[in-house]
Amino acid sequence: MLGRFCRETEGSVAVIAGSRIYRAHTEREMRFQSLIEEQFPKLHIVGLREGHDDRDENYRHTLALLDQTKDLVGIYNVGGSSDGIPRALRERDCGDKVVFIGHGLSTDTRRLLLDGTMDAVINSDPDLVITAALAASSPAQPDRSGNGLSVAPLKMDIFLRENLPSR
């Protein structure tokens, strides 16, 4: 999605994660890297920064990326605390030049989508993820129909400014 949204077909893209200790962050980073290399060979990943899901650390990383990478065209935040990244983008007047995608629809990311600083939010329902994990790890207990536990399929939503649900 970041590659498709980039206004430039060549340049550098960066990944900011909470921590490589988190399996989900590592898997997102690896999949992102493989898709960029495969589908957007003129975009170059400039490396992973660990922001530890801290807005101020993400802000400092973004400022450093902007200073060190003059051809930066995109940032993918695989973790949380996304609001530090657009603060740096606005400070350096790059919000309309750098595509910014992150995870988790929240009050902050909703505001960032609405003001145009964030281009997309990938969202999942944490309650449904926890329910599915508990169901998968517990012994199968038949439901009333005699089948195993029934859990709704996990889904991912992609939110843009144009399709934000009402609160």
C-alpha atoms as a PDB file:
ATOM      1  CA  MET A   1       0.000   0.000   0.000  1.00  0.00           C
ATOM      2  CA  LEU A   2       2.822   2.405   0.825  1.00  0.00           C
ATOM      3  CA  GLY A   3       4.476   1.722  -2.523  1.00  0.00           C
ATOM      4  CA  ARG A   4       1.210   2.375  -4.338  1.00  0.00           C
ATOM      5  CA  PHE A   5       0.573   5.601  -2.421  1.00  0.00           C
ATOM      6  CA  CYS A   6       4.050   7.082  -2.924  1.00  0.00           C
ATOM      7  CA  ARG A   7       3.958  10.146  -5.103  1.00  0.00           C
ATOM      8  CA  GLU A   8       7.465   9.365  -6.365  1.00  0.00           C
ATOM      9  CA  THR A   9       8.357   6.057  -8.020  1.00  0.00           C
ATOM     10  CA  GLU A  10      11.947   6.250  -6.768  1.00  0.00           C
ATOM     11  CA  GLY A  11      13.261   7.022  -3.333  1.00  0.00           C
ATOM     12  CA  SER A  12      13.716   5.683   0.152  1.00  0.00           C
ATOM     13  CA  VAL A  13      11.157   4.304   2.563  1.00  0.00           C
ATOM     14  CA  ALA A  14      11.636   3.685   6.265  1.00  0.00           C
ATOM     15  CA  VAL A  15      10.175   1.305   8.809  1.00  0.00           C
ATOM     16  CA  ILE A  16       9.643   2.221  12.447  1.00  0.00           C
ATOM     17  CA  ALA A  17       8.748  -0.591  14.835  1.00  0.00           C
ATOM     18  CA  GLY A  18       7.979  -0.777  18.506  1.00  0.00           C
ATOM     19  CA  SER A  19      10.554  -3.509  18.933  1.00  0.00           C
ATOM     20  CA  ARG A  20      11.959  -6.397  16.977  1.00  0.00           C
ATOM     21  CA  ILE A  21      11.179  -8.500  20.044  1.00  0.00           C
ATOM     22  CA  TYR A  22       7.500  -8.337  19.060  1.00  0.00           C
ATOM     23  CA  ARG A  23       6.830 -11.101  16.583  1.00  0.00           C
ATOM     24  CA  ALA A  24       4.033  -9.169  14.895  1.00  0.00           C
ATOM     25  CA  HIS A  25       6.342  -6.209  14.281  1.00  0.00           C
ATOM     26  CA  THR A  26       9.078  -8.448  12.863  1.00  0.00           C
ATOM     27  CA  GLU A  27       6.616 -10.249  10.599  1.00  0.00           C
ATOM     28  CA  ARG A  28       5.142  -6.964   9.361  1.00  0.00           C
ATOM     29  CA  GLU A  29       8.635  -5.649   8.648  1.00  0.00           C
ATOM     30  CA  MET A  30       9.686  -8.814   6.781  1.00  0.00           C
ATOM     31  CA  ARG A  31       6.532  -8.892   4.656  1.00  0.00           C
ATOM     32  CA  PHE A  32       6.829  -5.181   3.912  1.00  0.00           C
ATOM     33  CA  GLN A  33      10.445  -5.607   2.860  1.00  0.00           C
ATOM     34  CA  SER A  34       9.667  -8.531   0.562  1.00  0.00           C
ATOM     35  CA  LEU A  35       6.733  -6.716  -1.090  1.00  0.00           C
ATOM     36  CA  ILE A  36       8.705  -3.510  -1.635  1.00  0.00           C
ATOM     37  CA  GLU A  37      11.620  -5.424  -3.166  1.00  0.00           C
ATOM     38  CA  GLU A  38       9.318  -7.482  -5.378  1.00  0.00           C
ATOM     39  CA  GLN A  39       6.787  -4.886  -6.512  1.00  0.00           C
ATOM     40  CA  PHE A  40       8.607  -1.552  -6.168  1.00  0.00           C
ATOM     41  CA  PRO A  41      12.281  -2.164  -6.996  1.00  0.00           C
ATOM     42  CA  LYS A  42      13.036   1.568  -7.270  1.00  0.00           C
ATOM     43  CA  LEU A  43      12.041   2.146  -3.657  1.00  0.00           C
ATOM     44  CA  HIS A  44      14.820   1.413  -1.190  1.00  0.00           C
ATOM     45  CA  ILE A  45      14.319   0.558   2.470  1.00  0.00           C
ATOM     46  CA  VAL A  46      16.700   2.589   4.608  1.00  0.00           C
ATOM     47  CA  GLY A  47      16.507   0.358   7.638  1.00  0.00           C
ATOM     48  CA  LEU A  48      14.416  -0.328  10.667  1.00  0.00           C
ATOM     49  CA  ARG A  49      14.267   2.055  13.611  1.00  0.00           C
ATOM     50  CA  GLU A  50      12.924   0.871  16.962  1.00  0.00           C
ATOM     51  CA  GLY A  51      10.726   3.488  18.596  1.00  0.00           C
ATOM     52  CA  HIS A  52       9.528   1.283  21.483  1.00  0.00           C
ATOM     53  CA  ASP A  53       5.967   2.540  20.882  1.00  0.00           C
ATOM     54  CA  ASP A  54       7.020   5.893  22.336  1.00  0.00           C
ATOM     55  CA  ARG A  55       5.838   9.058  20.574  1.00  0.00           C
ATOM     56  CA  ASP A  56       8.925  11.084  21.480  1.00  0.00           C
ATOM     57  CA  GLU A  57      11.302   8.364  20.322  1.00  0.00           C
ATOM     58  CA  ASN A  58       9.343   7.998  17.055  1.00  0.00           C
ATOM     59  CA  TYR A  59       9.562  11.779  16.639  1.00  0.00           C
ATOM     60  CA  ARG A  60      13.367  11.748  17.068  1.00  0.00           C
ATOM     61  CA  HIS A  61      13.747   8.816  14.660  1.00  0.00           C
ATOM     62  CA  THR A  62      11.647  10.591  12.055  1.00  0.00           C
ATOM     63  CA  LEU A  63      13.667  13.812  12.362  1.00  0.00           C
ATOM     64  CA  ALA A  64      16.879  11.796  11.918  1.00  0.00           C
ATOM     65  CA  LEU A  65      15.427   9.975   8.907  1.00  0.00           C
ATOM     66  CA  LEU A  66      14.420  13.262   7.289  1.00  0.00           C
ATOM     67  CA  ASP A  67      17.871  14.752   7.943  1.00  0.00           C
ATOM     68  CA  GLN A  68      19.797  11.704   6.746  1.00  0.00           C
ATOM     69  CA  THR A  69      17.592  10.601   3.836  1.00  0.00           C
ATOM     70  CA  LYS A  70      16.912  13.434   1.404  1.00  0.00           C
ATOM     71  CA  ASP A  71      14.911  11.157  -0.919  1.00  0.00           C
ATOM     72  CA  LEU A  72      12.566   9.815   1.808  1.00  0.00           C
ATOM     73  CA  VAL A  73       9.134   9.216   0.249  1.00  0.00           C
ATOM     74  CA  GLY A  74       7.438   6.955   2.804  1.00  0.00           C
ATOM     75  CA  ILE A  75       7.327   5.788   6.419  1.00  0.00           C
ATOM     76  CA  TYR A  76       5.604   2.640   7.637  1.00  0.00           C
ATOM     77  CA  ASN A  77       5.089   2.468  11.392  1.00  0.00           C
ATOM     78  CA  VAL A  78       4.514  -1.190  12.228  1.00  0.00           C
ATOM     79  CA  GLY A  79       4.062  -0.367  15.915  1.00  0.00           C
ATOM     80  CA  GLY A  80       2.158   2.163  17.966  1.00  0.00           C
ATOM     81  CA  SER A  81       2.439   5.769  19.108  1.00  0.00           C
ATOM     82  CA  SER A  82       2.150   7.063  15.593  1.00  0.00           C
ATOM     83  CA  ASP A  83       1.672  10.713  16.569  1.00  0.00           C
ATOM     84  CA  GLY A  84       5.405  11.452  16.973  1.00  0.00           C
ATOM     85  CA  ILE A  85       6.031  10.736  13.296  1.00  0.00           C
ATOM     86  CA  PRO A  86       3.644  13.359  11.835  1.00  0.00           C
ATOM     87  CA  ARG A  87       4.859  15.904  14.378  1.00  0.00           C
ATOM     88  CA  ALA A  88       8.313  15.603  12.782  1.00  0.00           C
ATOM     89  CA  LEU A  89       6.848  15.587   9.254  1.00  0.00           C
ATOM     90  CA  ARG A  90       4.945  18.813   9.967  1.00  0.00           C
ATOM     91  CA  GLU A  91       7.955  20.413  11.641  1.00  0.00           C
ATOM     92  CA  ARG A  92      10.053  19.767   8.530  1.00  0.00           C
ATOM     93  CA  ASP A  93       7.176  20.650   6.187  1.00  0.00           C
ATOM     94  CA  CYS A  94       7.193  17.158   4.622  1.00  0.00           C
ATOM     95  CA  GLY A  95       3.684  15.978   5.422  1.00  0.00           C
ATOM     96  CA  ASP A  96       2.530  16.206   1.825  1.00  0.00           C
ATOM     97  CA  LYS A  97       5.729  14.656   0.401  1.00  0.00           C
ATOM     98  CA  VAL A  98       6.165  11.619   2.670  1.00  0.00           C
ATOM     99  CA  VAL A  99       3.493   8.919   2.678  1.00  0.00           C
ATOM    100  CA  PHE A 100       2.792   7.753   6.222  1.00  0.00           C
ATOM    101  CA  ILE A 101       1.007   4.490   7.046  1.00  0.00           C
ATOM    102  CA  GLY A 102       0.548   2.919  10.466  1.00  0.00           C
ATOM    103  CA  HIS A 103      -1.527   0.569  12.579  1.00  0.00           C
ATOM    104  CA  GLY A 104      -4.393   0.930  15.020  1.00  0.00           C
ATOM    105  CA  LEU A 105      -7.370   3.238  14.641  1.00  0.00           C
ATOM    106  CA  SER A 106      -7.371   5.487  17.701  1.00  0.00           C
ATOM    107  CA  THR A 107      -8.319   9.058  18.550  1.00  0.00           C
ATOM    108  CA  ASP A 108      -4.819  10.153  17.474  1.00  0.00           C
ATOM    109  CA  THR A 109      -4.684   8.221  14.202  1.00  0.00           C
ATOM    110  CA  ARG A 110      -8.235   9.311  13.346  1.00  0.00           C
ATOM    111  CA  ARG A 111      -7.191  12.951  13.790  1.00  0.00           C
ATOM    112  CA  LEU A 112      -4.056  12.358  11.677  1.00  0.00           C
ATOM    113  CA  LEU A 113      -6.108  10.794   8.885  1.00  0.00           C
ATOM    114  CA  LEU A 114      -8.560  13.687   8.950  1.00  0.00           C
ATOM    115  CA  ASP A 115      -5.850  16.350   8.789  1.00  0.00           C
ATOM    116  CA  GLY A 116      -4.073  14.486   5.964  1.00  0.00           C
ATOM    117  CA  THR A 117      -0.807  13.855   7.811  1.00  0.00           C
ATOM    118  CA  MET A 118      -1.421  10.113   7.864  1.00  0.00           C
ATOM    119  CA  ASP A 119      -2.398   8.367   4.653  1.00  0.00           C
ATOM    120  CA  ALA A 120      -3.752   5.038   5.926  1.00  0.00           C
ATOM    121  CA  VAL A 121      -4.339   3.055   9.106  1.00  0.00           C
ATOM    122  CA  ILE A 122      -4.380  -0.734   9.164  1.00  0.00           C
ATOM    123  CA  ASN A 123      -6.666  -1.850  11.947  1.00  0.00           C
ATOM    124  CA  SER A 124      -7.716  -5.082  13.595  1.00  0.00           C
ATOM    125  CA  ASP A 125     -10.125  -5.689  16.453  1.00  0.00           C
ATOM    126  CA  PRO A 126      -7.937  -6.540  19.476  1.00  0.00           C
ATOM    127  CA  ASP A 127     -10.853  -8.140  21.332  1.00  0.00           C
ATOM    128  CA  LEU A 128     -11.483 -10.496  18.415  1.00  0.00           C
ATOM    129  CA  VAL A 129      -7.766 -11.348  18.204  1.00  0.00           C
ATOM    130  CA  ILE A 130      -7.695 -12.204  21.929  1.00  0.00           C
ATOM    131  CA  THR A 131     -10.888 -14.283  21.632  1.00  0.00           C
ATOM    132  CA  ALA A 132      -9.451 -16.210  18.686  1.00  0.00           C
ATOM    133  CA  ALA A 133      -6.169 -16.794  20.522  1.00  0.00           C
ATOM    134  CA  LEU A 134      -7.975 -18.074  23.617  1.00  0.00           C
ATOM    135  CA  ALA A 135     -10.192 -20.316  21.528  1.00  0.00           C
ATOM    136  CA  ALA A 136      -7.204 -21.727  19.654  1.00  0.00           C
ATOM    137  CA  SER A 137      -5.302 -22.443  22.849  1.00  0.00           C
ATOM    138  CA  SER A 138      -8.133 -23.993  24.856  1.00  0.00           C
ATOM    139  CA  PRO A 139      -9.296 -27.581  24.532  1.00  0.00           C
ATOM    140  CA  ALA A 140     -12.036 -27.867  21.959  1.00  0.00           C
ATOM    141  CA  GLN A 141     -15.399 -27.669  23.658  1.00  0.00           C
ATOM    142  CA  PRO A 142     -18.308 -28.438  21.386  1.00  0.00           C
ATOM    143  CA  ASP A 143     -20.895 -25.733  20.965  1.00  0.00           C
ATOM    144  CA  ARG A 144     -24.620 -26.494  20.951  1.00  0.00           C
ATOM    145  CA  SER A 145     -24.473 -27.880  17.414  1.00  0.00           C
ATOM    146  CA  GLY A 146     -21.784 -30.381  18.437  1.00  0.00           C
ATOM    147  CA  ASN A 147     -19.070 -28.560  16.475  1.00  0.00           C
ATOM    148  CA  GLY A 148     -15.921 -27.069  17.951  1.00  0.00           C
ATOM    149  CA  LEU A 149     -15.676 -23.523  19.266  1.00  0.00           C
ATOM    150  CA  SER A 150     -16.968 -20.935  16.865  1.00  0.00           C
ATOM    151  CA  VAL A 151     -14.880 -17.797  16.439  1.00  0.00           C
ATOM    152  CA  ALA A 152     -15.527 -15.055  13.918  1.00  0.00           C
ATOM    153  CA  PRO A 153     -12.836 -14.834  11.254  1.00  0.00           C
ATOM    154  CA  LEU A 154     -10.113 -12.282  11.918  1.00  0.00           C
ATOM    155  CA  LYS A 155     -10.217  -9.316   9.646  1.00  0.00           C
ATOM    156  CA  MET A 156      -8.079  -6.321   8.893  1.00  0.00           C
ATOM    157  CA  ASP A 157      -9.608  -2.976   7.999  1.00  0.00           C
ATOM    158  CA  ILE A 158      -7.804  -0.280   6.075  1.00  0.00           C
ATOM    159  CA  PHE A 159      -8.940   3.217   6.910  1.00  0.00           C
ATOM    160  CA  LEU A 160      -8.320   6.304   4.837  1.00  0.00           C
ATOM    161  CA  ARG A 161      -9.680   9.771   5.497  1.00  0.00           C
ATOM    162  CA  GLU A 162     -12.445   9.009   3.004  1.00  0.00           C
ATOM    163  CA  ASN A 163     -13.806   5.859   4.671  1.00  0.00           C
ATOM    164  CA  LEU A 164     -13.476   6.568   8.388  1.00  0.00           C
ATOM    165  CA  PRO A 165     -16.408   5.188  10.342  1.00  0.00           C
ATOM    166  CA  SER A 166     -18.328   7.617  12.503  1.00  0.00           C
ATOM    167  CA  ARG A 167     -17.199   7.422  16.072  1.00  0.00           C
END
